[in-house]
């Protein structure tokens, strides 16, 4: 057996179990959900095996007028979910980007300790951590009590069950997912280029925009994708910190499957979320594949 054949066999043995696992527990359920999204909902739950594209029509505007009407509330929920996910990414980046530079400049011993602190929340239940935020943000919580005691406000603020509370909770949950890719890019940053830019007369702002930001862009893009995708479909954080006042796609999908028992419509909503995620991943992969080619062309020039 040649070396190339042996490597192919070794690669097949290594990737085979993972590929079978993903095919069984990801691709097969995804295919079932895709088929279900084009079936008619049953009268008492479940599905009827007849082609019914109007599940998507309830969202996109071509609902079957004989049985249901187009409701713009679904588009509003979809746009709100996109907005909250985008603000989650932006806020997490604002928090993590300077923190990555600070930690990257520390000695190795303190770097490891800070990285451990970043991952420390994973050792605690997510539900417990979110209910702590409920205790902090509610009208009789820590923040309102401090504001009332200091005289800054006359009555408690509505901090919980708002979009802001959900964004805060999302950022708290997904900070490690944003920090790690950004930190990896910052740690690999070639500081000789930064010093050369400053020595050649470029100011700090121009150096940041022309040198630092492009070199750390892969980490920013990776962290943005990793945070945006789960934030768009998250239903735990909106359910706890948003209550019944803020509805997101994840909560709507959960209700359709568990409460309304409209599995086809829930599947259609889930497929729309998956479509957005797939588009984002394709854009990210396409941009990542073009970046090395652009770098090579720039080096040849």
Protein backbone atom coordinates (compact mmCIF):
# COMPACT_ATOMS: atom_id res chain seq x y z
CA UNK A 1 0.00 0.00 0.00
CA UNK A 2 1.38 3.38 -0.98
CA UNK A 3 1.82 6.24 1.47
CA UNK A 4 -1.04 8.20 -0.14
CA UNK A 5 -3.40 5.22 0.12
CA UNK A 6 -2.40 4.63 3.73
CA UNK A 7 -3.10 8.28 4.56
CA UNK A 8 -6.52 8.09 2.91
CA UNK A 9 -7.35 4.99 4.95
CA UNK A 10 -6.18 6.65 8.18
CA UNK A 11 -8.18 9.78 7.36
CA UNK A 12 -11.28 7.69 6.65
CA UNK A 13 -10.92 5.86 9.96
CA UNK A 14 -10.54 9.14 11.83
CA UNK A 15 -13.37 11.00 10.12
CA UNK A 16 -15.70 8.04 9.61
CA UNK A 17 -17.27 7.91 13.13
CA UNK A 18 -17.75 11.69 13.22
CA UNK A 19 -19.30 11.69 9.74
CA UNK A 20 -21.71 8.88 10.63
CA UNK A 21 -22.67 10.63 13.87
CA UNK A 22 -23.37 13.93 12.12
CA UNK A 23 -25.32 12.19 9.36
CA UNK A 24 -27.54 10.37 11.83
CA UNK A 25 -28.14 13.11 14.37
CA UNK A 26 -27.90 16.28 12.28
CA UNK A 27 -28.55 15.67 8.58
CA UNK A 28 -31.36 13.14 9.08
CA UNK A 29 -33.32 15.33 11.57
CA UNK A 30 -32.71 18.33 9.32
CA UNK A 31 -34.12 16.42 6.34
CA UNK A 32 -37.17 15.37 8.40
CA UNK A 33 -37.76 18.99 9.39
CA UNK A 34 -37.43 20.14 5.78
CA UNK A 35 -40.01 17.60 4.62
CA UNK A 36 -42.34 18.49 7.50
CA UNK A 37 -42.19 22.19 6.60
CA UNK A 38 -43.95 21.39 3.30
CA UNK A 39 -46.73 19.28 4.86
CA UNK A 40 -50.17 20.35 6.06
CA UNK A 41 -50.75 20.71 9.80
CA UNK A 42 -53.01 18.13 11.40
CA UNK A 43 -56.30 19.17 12.96
CA UNK A 44 -55.22 18.03 16.45
CA UNK A 45 -51.47 18.29 15.99
CA UNK A 46 -49.00 16.34 13.95
CA UNK A 47 -49.01 16.46 10.16
CA UNK A 48 -51.09 15.43 7.20
CA UNK A 49 -49.16 13.93 4.29
CA UNK A 50 -50.16 16.43 1.62
CA UNK A 51 -48.04 19.10 -0.03
CA UNK A 52 -48.68 22.44 1.66
CA UNK A 53 -46.29 25.33 0.86
CA UNK A 54 -48.41 27.87 2.73
CA UNK A 55 -46.47 27.32 5.96
CA UNK A 56 -43.88 29.62 4.44
CA UNK A 57 -46.69 31.79 3.09
CA UNK A 58 -47.75 32.71 6.63
CA UNK A 59 -44.30 34.25 7.03
CA UNK A 60 -43.57 35.59 3.55
CA UNK A 61 -47.04 36.74 2.50
CA UNK A 62 -48.64 34.03 0.31
CA UNK A 63 -50.80 32.29 2.91
CA UNK A 64 -53.77 30.18 1.83
CA UNK A 65 -56.75 32.59 2.23
CA UNK A 66 -59.19 29.70 2.67
CA UNK A 67 -57.60 28.60 5.95
CA UNK A 68 -55.38 31.39 7.25
CA UNK A 69 -54.20 34.93 6.70
CA UNK A 70 -50.81 36.49 6.32
CA UNK A 71 -49.81 38.06 9.63
CA UNK A 72 -46.96 40.62 9.54
CA UNK A 73 -46.21 39.82 13.18
CA UNK A 74 -43.98 36.96 12.02
CA UNK A 75 -41.86 39.30 9.90
CA UNK A 76 -41.68 41.66 12.87
CA UNK A 77 -40.45 38.84 15.13
CA UNK A 78 -37.93 37.81 12.49
CA UNK A 79 -36.59 41.36 12.13
CA UNK A 80 -36.49 41.82 15.90
CA UNK A 81 -34.50 38.61 16.25
CA UNK A 82 -32.03 39.83 13.61
CA UNK A 83 -31.73 43.17 15.40
CA UNK A 84 -31.13 41.64 18.83
CA UNK A 85 -28.61 39.16 17.42
CA UNK A 86 -26.76 41.97 15.60
CA UNK A 87 -26.64 44.16 18.72
CA UNK A 88 -25.43 41.15 20.69
CA UNK A 89 -22.53 40.70 18.27
CA UNK A 90 -21.68 44.42 18.33
CA UNK A 91 -21.80 44.70 22.13
CA UNK A 92 -19.78 41.52 22.62
CA UNK A 93 -17.16 42.82 20.19
CA UNK A 94 -16.94 46.19 21.99
CA UNK A 95 -16.34 44.32 25.26
CA UNK A 96 -13.97 41.65 23.95
CA UNK A 97 -11.79 43.59 21.51
CA UNK A 98 -9.99 45.84 24.03
CA UNK A 99 -9.97 43.00 26.57
CA UNK A 100 -8.13 40.79 24.06
CA UNK A 101 -5.39 43.41 23.66
CA UNK A 102 -5.06 43.83 27.42
CA UNK A 103 -4.78 40.10 28.07
CA UNK A 104 -2.41 39.55 25.11
CA UNK A 105 0.02 42.06 26.65
CA UNK A 106 0.18 40.23 30.01
CA UNK A 107 2.88 37.74 31.03
CA UNK A 108 2.20 34.11 30.14
CA UNK A 109 1.17 33.15 33.67
CA UNK A 110 -1.46 35.88 33.89
CA UNK A 111 -2.66 35.16 30.35
CA UNK A 112 -3.55 31.60 31.31
CA UNK A 113 -5.31 32.80 34.45
CA UNK A 114 -7.38 35.36 32.53
CA UNK A 115 -8.30 32.79 29.88
CA UNK A 116 -9.44 30.51 32.69
CA UNK A 117 -11.64 33.32 34.04
CA UNK A 118 -13.16 33.80 30.58
CA UNK A 119 -14.18 30.15 30.44
CA UNK A 120 -15.22 29.96 34.11
CA UNK A 121 -18.96 30.62 33.47
CA UNK A 122 -19.14 27.35 31.53
CA UNK A 123 -18.74 25.51 34.84
CA UNK A 124 -22.07 26.90 36.08
CA UNK A 125 -25.57 26.10 34.84
CA UNK A 126 -26.87 28.57 32.27
CA UNK A 127 -30.29 28.70 33.94
CA UNK A 128 -28.74 29.58 37.30
CA UNK A 129 -26.66 32.37 35.74
CA UNK A 130 -29.67 33.85 33.94
CA UNK A 131 -31.83 33.83 37.05
CA UNK A 132 -29.07 35.75 38.83
CA UNK A 133 -29.57 38.45 36.20
CA UNK A 134 -33.29 38.39 36.99
CA UNK A 135 -32.44 39.14 40.62
CA UNK A 136 -30.14 41.95 39.51
CA UNK A 137 -32.44 43.62 36.96
CA UNK A 138 -35.91 43.26 38.49
CA UNK A 139 -37.62 46.27 40.04
CA UNK A 140 -36.56 45.22 43.54
CA UNK A 141 -33.16 44.06 42.31
CA UNK A 142 -29.65 45.23 43.00
CA UNK A 143 -29.47 47.89 40.25
CA UNK A 144 -32.77 49.57 41.07
CA UNK A 145 -32.10 49.48 44.81
CA UNK A 146 -28.73 51.15 44.25
CA UNK A 147 -30.26 53.83 42.00
CA UNK A 148 -33.10 54.52 44.44
CA UNK A 149 -30.73 54.68 47.41
CA UNK A 150 -28.46 57.14 45.62
CA UNK A 151 -31.39 59.34 44.62
CA UNK A 152 -30.65 59.13 40.90
CA UNK A 153 -34.16 57.87 40.13
CA UNK A 154 -37.49 58.46 41.84
CA UNK A 155 -39.03 55.11 40.95
CA UNK A 156 -37.69 51.74 39.81
CA UNK A 157 -36.66 51.45 36.17
CA UNK A 158 -38.06 48.80 33.84
CA UNK A 159 -34.78 47.01 33.21
CA UNK A 160 -36.02 43.46 32.88
CA UNK A 161 -38.34 42.02 30.20
CA UNK A 162 -36.93 44.38 27.58
CA UNK A 163 -34.77 44.08 24.46
CA UNK A 164 -31.89 45.54 26.44
CA UNK A 165 -32.14 42.84 29.09
CA UNK A 166 -32.07 40.14 26.41
CA UNK A 167 -29.04 41.70 24.71
CA UNK A 168 -27.28 41.92 28.08
CA UNK A 169 -28.03 38.28 28.80
CA UNK A 170 -26.95 37.20 25.31
CA UNK A 171 -23.67 39.11 25.61
CA UNK A 172 -23.04 37.56 29.01
CA UNK A 173 -23.64 34.07 27.63
CA UNK A 174 -21.70 34.45 24.37
CA UNK A 175 -18.71 36.55 25.47
CA UNK A 176 -16.36 33.50 25.48
CA UNK A 177 -17.40 32.67 21.91
CA UNK A 178 -16.49 36.18 20.76
CA UNK A 179 -13.38 36.53 22.90
CA UNK A 180 -11.53 33.38 21.83
CA UNK A 181 -11.39 34.06 18.05
CA UNK A 182 -10.59 37.74 18.62
CA UNK A 183 -7.87 36.88 21.13
CA UNK A 184 -6.34 34.34 18.73
CA UNK A 185 -6.03 37.06 16.05
CA UNK A 186 -4.70 39.65 18.47
CA UNK A 187 -2.09 37.27 19.88
CA UNK A 188 -0.77 36.56 16.35
CA UNK A 189 -0.62 40.28 15.51
CA UNK A 190 2.76 41.33 14.10
CA UNK A 191 3.63 44.35 16.21
CA UNK A 192 6.64 45.18 14.03
CA UNK A 193 4.17 46.34 11.37
CA UNK A 194 2.44 48.54 13.91
CA UNK A 195 5.73 50.11 15.02
CA UNK A 196 6.81 50.59 11.42
CA UNK A 197 3.54 52.35 10.63
CA UNK A 198 3.99 54.70 13.57
CA UNK A 199 7.65 55.35 12.70
CA UNK A 200 6.69 56.23 9.12
CA UNK A 201 4.36 58.97 10.34
CA UNK A 202 0.96 57.30 10.49
CA UNK A 203 -1.02 58.33 13.55
CA UNK A 204 -2.61 55.91 16.02
CA UNK A 205 -6.03 56.07 14.33
CA UNK A 206 -4.65 55.46 10.84
CA UNK A 207 -2.42 52.67 12.13
CA UNK A 208 -5.41 51.02 13.76
CA UNK A 209 -7.58 51.31 10.64
CA UNK A 210 -4.89 50.29 8.12
CA UNK A 211 -2.81 47.76 10.11
CA UNK A 212 -4.41 46.46 13.32
CA UNK A 213 -8.01 46.17 12.19
CA UNK A 214 -7.29 44.30 8.90
CA UNK A 215 -4.91 41.88 10.65
CA UNK A 216 -7.45 41.08 13.37
CA UNK A 217 -10.43 41.01 10.98
CA UNK A 218 -10.44 37.18 10.67
CA UNK A 219 -10.95 36.84 14.43
CA UNK A 220 -13.66 39.50 14.41
CA UNK A 221 -15.48 37.80 11.53
CA UNK A 222 -15.18 34.37 13.13
CA UNK A 223 -16.44 35.62 16.49
CA UNK A 224 -19.31 37.50 14.83
CA UNK A 225 -20.50 34.37 13.02
CA UNK A 226 -20.11 32.15 16.09
CA UNK A 227 -22.12 34.58 18.23
CA UNK A 228 -24.75 35.66 15.70
CA UNK A 229 -25.88 32.18 14.71
CA UNK A 230 -26.82 30.87 18.19
CA UNK A 231 -28.10 34.30 19.28
CA UNK A 232 -30.58 34.33 16.38
CA UNK A 233 -32.20 31.06 17.45
CA UNK A 234 -31.77 31.31 21.20
CA UNK A 235 -34.95 30.84 23.23
CA UNK A 236 -33.67 30.35 26.79
CA UNK A 237 -32.42 33.91 27.32
CA UNK A 238 -35.54 35.60 25.84
CA UNK A 239 -37.81 33.29 27.85
CA UNK A 240 -36.14 34.22 31.16
CA UNK A 241 -35.06 37.85 30.63
CA UNK A 242 -37.72 38.81 28.08
CA UNK A 243 -40.70 37.05 29.59
CA UNK A 244 -43.94 37.38 27.64
CA UNK A 245 -43.09 40.90 26.46
CA UNK A 246 -40.32 40.07 24.01
CA UNK A 247 -40.84 37.30 21.44
CA UNK A 248 -37.97 35.98 19.35
CA UNK A 249 -37.77 33.30 16.69
CA UNK A 250 -36.54 30.67 19.12
CA UNK A 251 -39.51 31.22 21.42
CA UNK A 252 -41.94 31.24 18.48
CA UNK A 253 -40.57 27.93 17.18
CA UNK A 254 -40.78 26.42 20.67
CA UNK A 255 -44.41 27.51 20.99
CA UNK A 256 -45.36 26.09 17.61
CA UNK A 257 -43.92 22.67 18.47
CA UNK A 258 -44.98 22.40 22.12
CA UNK A 259 -48.03 24.63 22.67
CA UNK A 260 -49.74 25.14 19.29
CA UNK A 261 -48.66 21.68 18.06
CA UNK A 262 -48.33 23.12 14.56
CA UNK A 263 -45.25 21.14 13.58
CA UNK A 264 -45.21 22.14 9.88
CA UNK A 265 -45.28 25.86 10.68
CA UNK A 266 -42.64 25.41 13.38
CA UNK A 267 -40.51 23.50 10.88
CA UNK A 268 -40.93 26.29 8.31
CA UNK A 269 -39.77 28.86 10.87
CA UNK A 270 -36.81 26.66 11.79
CA UNK A 271 -35.87 26.24 8.12
CA UNK A 272 -35.89 30.02 7.66
CA UNK A 273 -33.50 30.38 10.60
CA UNK A 274 -31.32 27.64 9.15
CA UNK A 275 -31.34 29.41 5.77
CA UNK A 276 -30.08 32.65 7.32
CA UNK A 277 -27.37 30.72 9.17
CA UNK A 278 -26.35 28.91 5.98
CA UNK A 279 -26.08 32.18 4.06
CA UNK A 280 -23.89 33.67 6.81
CA UNK A 281 -21.64 30.62 6.85
CA UNK A 282 -21.30 30.67 3.06
CA UNK A 283 -20.38 34.37 3.12
CA UNK A 284 -17.84 33.75 5.86
CA UNK A 285 -16.28 30.77 4.07
CA UNK A 286 -16.17 32.69 0.77
CA UNK A 287 -14.54 35.71 2.42
CA UNK A 288 -12.05 33.49 4.26
CA UNK A 289 -11.09 31.68 1.06
CA UNK A 290 -10.50 34.98 -0.77
CA UNK A 291 -8.38 36.48 2.00
CA UNK A 292 -5.32 34.22 1.54
CA UNK A 293 -5.45 34.71 -2.23
CA UNK A 294 -5.55 38.49 -1.79
CA UNK A 295 -2.64 38.27 0.63
CA UNK A 296 -0.60 36.21 -1.85
CA UNK A 297 -1.32 38.68 -4.67
CA UNK A 298 -0.38 41.56 -2.40
CA UNK A 299 2.88 39.83 -1.52
CA UNK A 300 3.73 39.28 -5.20
CA UNK A 301 3.00 42.90 -5.95
